[in-house]
């Protein structure tokens, strides 16, 4: 079975408070980017389970890859058999796009089908949440208001039809640890949902990513990219997740295409 593990972007990201378990409560809207995806192939086998990587190289022990962690979780929980996993990696990692989270979730979904486990959505979300904070989103893979660590989801409708998305991933990366170390949690006076109910032309002044302030101070190139997208006609631009990808949403596709010399990642929303 081969599944497409598409990435996501965050539109708005409020870091509300630090929790007693060391995580943070968030409020963010995630939307899928179906045009940029990894291929995750999962095949049952009789020999010991294995992981094979193609495409973008990841310097990681195979057993530490989230795909294998997902397999081991399912084996421990449900006693399923062995599987060969082949990941064709296209989504940049360390980018704030949730590529790894999507990969792990697709392994869970594939194993549920291959071994006829019959798990419902709630069970799949719980399993995915054990792998990380963004993973649960990819069970639904539709626009969601994500709260808590990201596992508490509420469907949301955003009118982005006809818009074009530009993703720019610079060479430098931002670790999740670095992003959280510089953020100051705060509960905004107006909820993210209410701010997003305004026309997209009003988002730039009110829909923020709380990680940007400290990340941009440490990585000024990212701020420059955001400003470049806005100067080039983006209706809204921001950093996705903890970075380092900066995205712009364009109502004018021609203006979006003008960035083709800077990035291959341009998609219709």
Protein backbone atom coordinates (compact mmCIF):
# COMPACT_ATOMS: atom_id res chain seq x y z
CA UNK A 1 0.00 0.00 0.00
CA UNK A 2 1.30 3.45 -0.95
CA UNK A 3 -0.08 6.58 0.71
CA UNK A 4 0.69 10.22 -0.02
CA UNK A 5 1.93 11.96 3.12
CA UNK A 6 1.24 15.59 2.27
CA UNK A 7 2.53 18.44 4.41
CA UNK A 8 0.67 21.31 6.14
CA UNK A 9 1.03 24.96 7.00
CA UNK A 10 -0.06 26.81 10.12
CA UNK A 11 -2.22 29.88 9.69
CA UNK A 12 -1.82 31.68 12.99
CA UNK A 13 -0.10 30.09 15.97
CA UNK A 14 -0.79 31.28 19.51
CA UNK A 15 1.33 29.79 22.28
CA UNK A 16 -1.08 30.12 25.19
CA UNK A 17 0.62 28.62 28.23
CA UNK A 18 3.21 26.14 29.43
CA UNK A 19 1.72 22.96 30.85
CA UNK A 20 2.80 20.96 33.87
CA UNK A 21 3.87 18.08 31.59
CA UNK A 22 6.41 20.35 29.87
CA UNK A 23 4.39 20.83 26.68
CA UNK A 24 2.58 24.03 25.68
CA UNK A 25 -1.08 24.66 24.96
CA UNK A 26 -1.47 26.06 21.47
CA UNK A 27 -4.15 27.46 19.24
CA UNK A 28 -3.42 27.18 15.53
CA UNK A 29 -5.17 26.41 12.28
CA UNK A 30 -3.55 23.78 10.10
CA UNK A 31 -4.41 23.30 6.46
CA UNK A 32 -3.11 20.52 4.21
CA UNK A 33 -0.84 21.23 1.27
CA UNK A 34 -1.78 18.38 -1.03
CA UNK A 35 0.70 19.32 -3.76
CA UNK A 36 3.82 18.61 -1.66
CA UNK A 37 4.01 15.10 -0.27
CA UNK A 38 6.17 12.09 0.55
CA UNK A 39 5.29 8.60 -0.68
CA UNK A 40 4.97 6.08 2.14
CA UNK A 41 4.88 2.46 1.01
CA UNK A 42 3.99 -0.20 3.58
CA UNK A 43 4.11 -3.88 2.60
CA UNK A 44 3.58 -6.83 4.98
CA UNK A 45 6.46 -9.32 4.96
CA UNK A 46 7.69 -12.53 6.58
CA UNK A 47 11.23 -11.32 7.29
CA UNK A 48 12.09 -8.79 10.06
CA UNK A 49 10.64 -5.33 9.53
CA UNK A 50 12.82 -2.85 7.63
CA UNK A 51 12.94 0.80 6.65
CA UNK A 52 14.24 2.13 3.33
CA UNK A 53 14.72 5.78 2.45
CA UNK A 54 14.72 7.39 -0.98
CA UNK A 55 14.78 11.05 -2.04
CA UNK A 56 15.94 13.65 0.49
CA UNK A 57 18.52 12.11 2.81
CA UNK A 58 17.86 12.02 6.56
CA UNK A 59 20.79 11.36 8.87
CA UNK A 60 18.92 9.19 11.35
CA UNK A 61 19.07 5.63 12.62
CA UNK A 62 16.22 3.75 10.88
CA UNK A 63 14.69 2.66 14.18
CA UNK A 64 14.52 6.32 15.24
CA UNK A 65 12.62 7.36 12.12
CA UNK A 66 9.01 8.19 12.93
CA UNK A 67 7.83 5.61 10.39
CA UNK A 68 9.50 2.81 12.32
CA UNK A 69 8.31 4.27 15.60
CA UNK A 70 4.76 4.10 14.22
CA UNK A 71 5.26 0.48 13.18
CA UNK A 72 6.68 -0.51 16.57
CA UNK A 73 3.80 1.24 18.34
CA UNK A 74 1.26 -0.72 16.29
CA UNK A 75 3.12 -3.99 16.85
CA UNK A 76 3.21 -3.44 20.60
CA UNK A 77 -0.41 -2.33 20.81
CA UNK A 78 -2.06 -4.81 18.44
CA UNK A 79 0.45 -7.62 17.89
CA UNK A 80 0.52 -7.12 14.12
CA UNK A 81 3.14 -8.77 11.92
CA UNK A 82 6.24 -7.48 10.19
CA UNK A 83 6.31 -4.85 7.44
CA UNK A 84 8.70 -3.28 4.96
CA UNK A 85 8.45 0.50 4.85
CA UNK A 86 9.83 2.55 1.95
CA UNK A 87 9.76 6.33 2.33
CA UNK A 88 10.32 8.54 -0.70
CA UNK A 89 11.12 11.86 0.93
CA UNK A 90 10.25 15.14 -0.83
CA UNK A 91 8.99 17.37 1.98
CA UNK A 92 11.90 19.28 3.55
CA UNK A 93 12.52 18.39 7.17
CA UNK A 94 13.12 20.90 9.96
CA UNK A 95 10.81 23.14 7.98
CA UNK A 96 7.68 23.55 10.10
CA UNK A 97 5.68 21.66 7.47
CA UNK A 98 4.94 18.52 9.48
CA UNK A 99 6.49 16.21 6.92
CA UNK A 100 7.73 13.68 9.46
CA UNK A 101 4.44 13.79 11.35
CA UNK A 102 2.57 13.05 8.14
CA UNK A 103 4.87 10.10 7.37
CA UNK A 104 4.30 8.50 10.76
CA UNK A 105 0.55 8.97 10.60
CA UNK A 106 0.36 7.42 7.13
CA UNK A 107 2.14 4.31 8.46
CA UNK A 108 -0.54 4.00 11.15
CA UNK A 109 -3.33 4.41 8.59
CA UNK A 110 -1.74 1.89 6.25
CA UNK A 111 -1.24 -0.73 8.96
CA UNK A 112 -4.83 -0.30 10.09
CA UNK A 113 -5.96 -1.24 6.57
CA UNK A 114 -3.36 -3.92 5.82
CA UNK A 115 -4.00 -5.85 9.03
CA UNK A 116 -7.77 -5.17 9.04
CA UNK A 117 -7.73 -3.67 12.54
CA UNK A 118 -10.90 -1.67 11.99
CA UNK A 119 -9.79 1.24 14.17
CA UNK A 120 -12.10 4.24 14.17
CA UNK A 121 -11.02 7.86 13.80
CA UNK A 122 -10.80 8.48 17.54
CA UNK A 123 -8.49 5.50 18.03
CA UNK A 124 -6.31 6.56 15.10
CA UNK A 125 -6.03 10.08 16.48
CA UNK A 126 -5.00 8.74 19.88
CA UNK A 127 -2.33 6.53 18.28
CA UNK A 128 -0.99 9.33 16.10
CA UNK A 129 -0.84 11.67 19.09
CA UNK A 130 1.59 9.30 20.80
CA UNK A 131 4.09 10.00 18.02
CA UNK A 132 4.10 13.80 18.28
CA UNK A 133 2.13 17.03 18.41
CA UNK A 134 1.23 17.52 14.73
CA UNK A 135 0.56 13.89 13.87
CA UNK A 136 -3.13 13.75 14.80
CA UNK A 137 -3.95 16.42 12.22
CA UNK A 138 -3.03 14.10 9.37
CA UNK A 139 -5.68 11.55 10.36
CA UNK A 140 -8.31 14.03 9.19
CA UNK A 141 -6.06 15.97 6.79
CA UNK A 142 -8.58 18.76 6.33
CA UNK A 143 -8.52 22.34 7.70
CA UNK A 144 -8.65 22.10 11.49
CA UNK A 145 -8.44 24.37 14.50
CA UNK A 146 -5.86 22.51 16.58
CA UNK A 147 -5.64 23.11 20.32
CA UNK A 148 -3.95 21.54 23.33
CA UNK A 149 -0.73 19.99 21.99
CA UNK A 150 -2.42 19.96 18.59
CA UNK A 151 -4.45 16.81 19.14
CA UNK A 152 -7.72 18.59 20.02
CA UNK A 153 -9.22 19.34 16.63
CA UNK A 154 -12.27 21.20 15.39
CA UNK A 155 -13.07 21.46 11.66
CA UNK A 156 -12.85 25.00 10.32
CA UNK A 157 -13.73 26.56 6.98
CA UNK A 158 -11.38 29.08 5.39
CA UNK A 159 -12.25 30.66 2.06
CA UNK A 160 -8.95 30.27 0.20
CA UNK A 161 -10.37 29.02 -3.09
CA UNK A 162 -8.50 30.46 -6.04
CA UNK A 163 -5.49 31.46 -3.95
CA UNK A 164 -1.94 30.35 -4.69
CA UNK A 165 0.50 29.24 -2.01
CA UNK A 166 4.24 29.93 -2.18
CA UNK A 167 6.55 28.07 0.21
CA UNK A 168 10.14 29.20 0.63
CA UNK A 169 12.43 26.93 2.65
CA UNK A 170 15.85 28.53 3.24
CA UNK A 171 18.96 26.45 3.82
CA UNK A 172 19.06 27.29 7.50
CA UNK A 173 16.82 25.39 9.87
CA UNK A 174 15.15 26.13 13.19
CA UNK A 175 14.84 23.41 15.82
CA UNK A 176 11.60 23.07 17.74
CA UNK A 177 13.60 23.36 20.96
CA UNK A 178 15.06 26.69 19.81
CA UNK A 179 11.66 28.05 18.83
CA UNK A 180 10.02 27.22 22.15
CA UNK A 181 13.00 28.51 24.15
CA UNK A 182 12.41 32.03 22.83
CA UNK A 183 8.63 32.28 23.04
CA UNK A 184 6.63 34.00 25.79
CA UNK A 185 3.23 32.31 26.21
CA UNK A 186 0.19 34.59 26.37
CA UNK A 187 -3.57 34.26 25.85
CA UNK A 188 -4.73 36.85 23.28
CA UNK A 189 -7.78 39.01 23.92
CA UNK A 190 -9.38 37.91 20.64
CA UNK A 191 -9.40 34.24 19.73
CA UNK A 192 -7.67 32.98 16.61
CA UNK A 193 -10.96 31.77 15.17
CA UNK A 194 -12.47 35.23 15.52
CA UNK A 195 -9.45 36.88 13.91
CA UNK A 196 -9.58 34.42 11.01
CA UNK A 197 -13.25 35.19 10.43
CA UNK A 198 -12.17 38.55 9.01
CA UNK A 199 -11.30 38.86 5.30
CA UNK A 200 -7.84 37.54 4.42
CA UNK A 201 -6.79 41.10 3.57
CA UNK A 202 -7.00 41.87 7.32
CA UNK A 203 -5.05 38.84 8.57
CA UNK A 204 -1.57 40.31 8.32
CA UNK A 205 -2.12 42.72 11.19
CA UNK A 206 -3.89 40.29 13.51
CA UNK A 207 -3.09 36.65 12.67
CA UNK A 208 0.38 36.05 14.08
CA UNK A 209 2.79 33.17 14.63
CA UNK A 210 4.13 33.64 18.17
CA UNK A 211 7.42 31.96 17.25
CA UNK A 212 8.31 34.63 14.69
CA UNK A 213 9.54 37.29 17.09
CA UNK A 214 12.40 35.30 18.61
CA UNK A 215 13.10 33.15 15.55
CA UNK A 216 13.39 36.20 13.29
CA UNK A 217 15.74 37.86 15.77
CA UNK A 218 18.05 34.85 15.57
CA UNK A 219 17.50 34.21 11.85
CA UNK A 220 17.02 37.60 10.12
CA UNK A 221 16.97 35.93 6.69
CA UNK A 222 13.56 34.47 7.52
CA UNK A 223 12.15 37.92 8.24
CA UNK A 224 13.60 39.14 4.95
CA UNK A 225 11.82 36.35 3.07
CA UNK A 226 8.50 37.23 4.69
CA UNK A 227 8.94 40.89 3.78
CA UNK A 228 9.92 39.89 0.24
CA UNK A 229 6.71 37.87 -0.17
CA UNK A 230 4.57 40.75 1.07
CA UNK A 231 6.38 43.24 -1.15
CA UNK A 232 5.84 40.85 -4.06
CA UNK A 233 2.08 40.87 -3.64
CA UNK A 234 1.25 38.24 -1.04
CA UNK A 235 -2.06 38.94 0.65
CA UNK A 236 -0.81 37.15 3.75
CA UNK A 237 2.62 35.82 4.71
CA UNK A 238 3.94 34.08 7.82
CA UNK A 239 6.25 31.40 9.14
CA UNK A 240 4.80 27.89 9.30
CA UNK A 241 4.99 26.18 12.68
CA UNK A 242 8.39 26.60 14.34
CA UNK A 243 10.02 27.31 10.97
CA UNK A 244 12.03 27.67 8.95
CA UNK A 245 9.60 27.69 6.00
CA UNK A 246 7.99 31.03 5.17
CA UNK A 247 4.81 30.99 3.11
CA UNK A 248 2.81 33.53 1.20
CA UNK A 249 -0.83 33.31 0.11
CA UNK A 250 -1.48 35.16 -3.15
CA UNK A 251 -4.79 36.11 -4.71
CA UNK A 252 -2.93 36.93 -7.93
CA UNK A 253 -1.36 33.73 -9.33
CA UNK A 254 0.88 35.74 -11.67
CA UNK A 255 2.53 37.44 -8.71
CA UNK A 256 3.00 34.08 -7.04
CA UNK A 257 4.66 32.63 -10.13
CA UNK A 258 7.19 35.46 -10.05
CA UNK A 259 8.80 33.61 -7.13
CA UNK A 260 9.42 30.50 -9.23
CA UNK A 261 13.13 31.33 -9.48
CA UNK A 262 13.39 31.21 -5.67
CA UNK A 263 11.36 28.08 -4.93
CA UNK A 264 9.80 25.06 -6.64
CA UNK A 265 7.05 24.95 -4.03
CA UNK A 266 4.11 26.83 -5.55
CA UNK A 267 0.63 25.30 -5.33
CA UNK A 268 -3.04 26.12 -5.78
CA UNK A 269 -5.06 26.11 -2.57
